[in-house]
Amino acid sequence: MSQGLCEQAMAVFKKMEADGIETNIVMLNSVLNSFSVAAKPEEGLAVFEYMHQNVRSLLNSHIKIYGEEF
């Protein structure tokens, strides 16, 4: 994936968040993977830290979907 595409993935993610679309693990993994493929570890780390800070809400959404606790 080119560097332009990872920047595009991040822009789409930020737009979705600004529009009130709830973050989910699939969205975050896609953005994280795009920075990994583009060899941009600093940006990927920022996404990972965001995931870590918001893990409780992400896990709660999985509990609602799958009806299980982790």
Protein backbone atom coordinates (compact mmCIF):
# COMPACT_ATOMS: atom_id res chain seq x y z
CA MET A 1 0.00 0.00 0.00
CA SER A 2 1.39 3.36 -0.90
CA GLN A 3 1.88 6.10 1.64
CA GLY A 4 -0.91 8.09 0.01
CA LEU A 5 -3.38 5.31 0.69
CA CYS A 6 -2.56 5.09 4.39
CA GLU A 7 -3.05 8.83 4.69
CA GLN A 8 -6.35 8.42 2.85
CA ALA A 9 -7.38 5.62 5.23
CA MET A 10 -6.66 7.86 8.22
CA ALA A 11 -8.58 10.75 6.66
CA VAL A 12 -11.61 8.53 6.08
CA PHE A 13 -11.38 7.23 9.66
CA LYS A 14 -11.25 10.78 11.07
CA LYS A 15 -14.18 11.84 8.87
CA MET A 16 -16.25 8.89 10.03
CA GLU A 17 -15.47 9.75 13.64
CA ALA A 18 -16.35 13.42 13.06
CA ASP A 19 -19.64 12.32 11.52
CA GLY A 20 -20.47 10.38 14.66
CA ILE A 21 -19.89 6.88 13.31
CA GLU A 22 -18.90 4.65 16.22
CA THR A 23 -15.35 3.32 16.09
CA ASN A 24 -15.02 -0.42 15.78
CA ILE A 25 -12.12 -2.83 15.77
CA VAL A 26 -12.36 -3.50 12.04
CA MET A 27 -11.93 0.19 11.22
CA LEU A 28 -8.99 0.56 13.55
CA ASN A 29 -7.28 -2.61 12.36
CA SER A 30 -7.60 -1.45 8.76
CA VAL A 31 -6.02 1.91 9.51
CA LEU A 32 -3.32 0.30 11.67
CA ASN A 33 -2.49 -2.20 8.93
CA SER A 34 -2.25 0.56 6.31
CA PHE A 35 0.51 2.29 8.30
CA SER A 36 2.29 -1.01 8.85
CA VAL A 37 2.33 -1.81 5.15
CA ALA A 38 3.51 1.72 4.34
CA ALA A 39 6.37 1.38 6.85
CA LYS A 40 5.15 4.30 8.98
CA PRO A 41 5.55 2.94 12.52
CA GLU A 42 5.10 6.25 14.35
CA GLU A 43 1.66 6.80 12.82
CA GLY A 44 0.77 3.16 13.44
CA LEU A 45 1.79 3.51 17.07
CA ALA A 46 -0.51 6.52 17.45
CA VAL A 47 -3.41 4.43 16.11
CA PHE A 48 -2.47 1.57 18.45
CA GLU A 49 -2.40 3.95 21.44
CA TYR A 50 -5.83 5.24 20.43
CA MET A 51 -7.05 1.63 20.33
CA HIS A 52 -5.57 1.00 23.79
CA GLN A 53 -7.25 4.08 25.27
CA ASN A 54 -10.61 3.12 23.79
CA VAL A 55 -10.43 -0.64 24.29
CA ARG A 56 -13.20 -0.76 26.90
CA SER A 57 -15.79 0.73 24.56
CA LEU A 58 -14.60 -1.53 21.75
CA LEU A 59 -14.88 -4.60 23.94
CA ASN A 60 -18.32 -3.52 25.10
CA SER A 61 -19.48 -3.33 21.50
CA HIS A 62 -18.23 -6.88 20.95
CA ILE A 63 -20.10 -8.04 24.05
CA LYS A 64 -23.29 -6.51 22.65
CA ILE A 65 -22.76 -8.20 19.31
CA TYR A 66 -21.63 -11.63 20.47
CA GLY A 67 -23.18 -11.74 23.95
CA GLU A 68 -19.96 -12.86 25.60
CA GLU A 69 -17.57 -11.28 28.01
CA PHE A 70 -13.85 -11.31 27.28
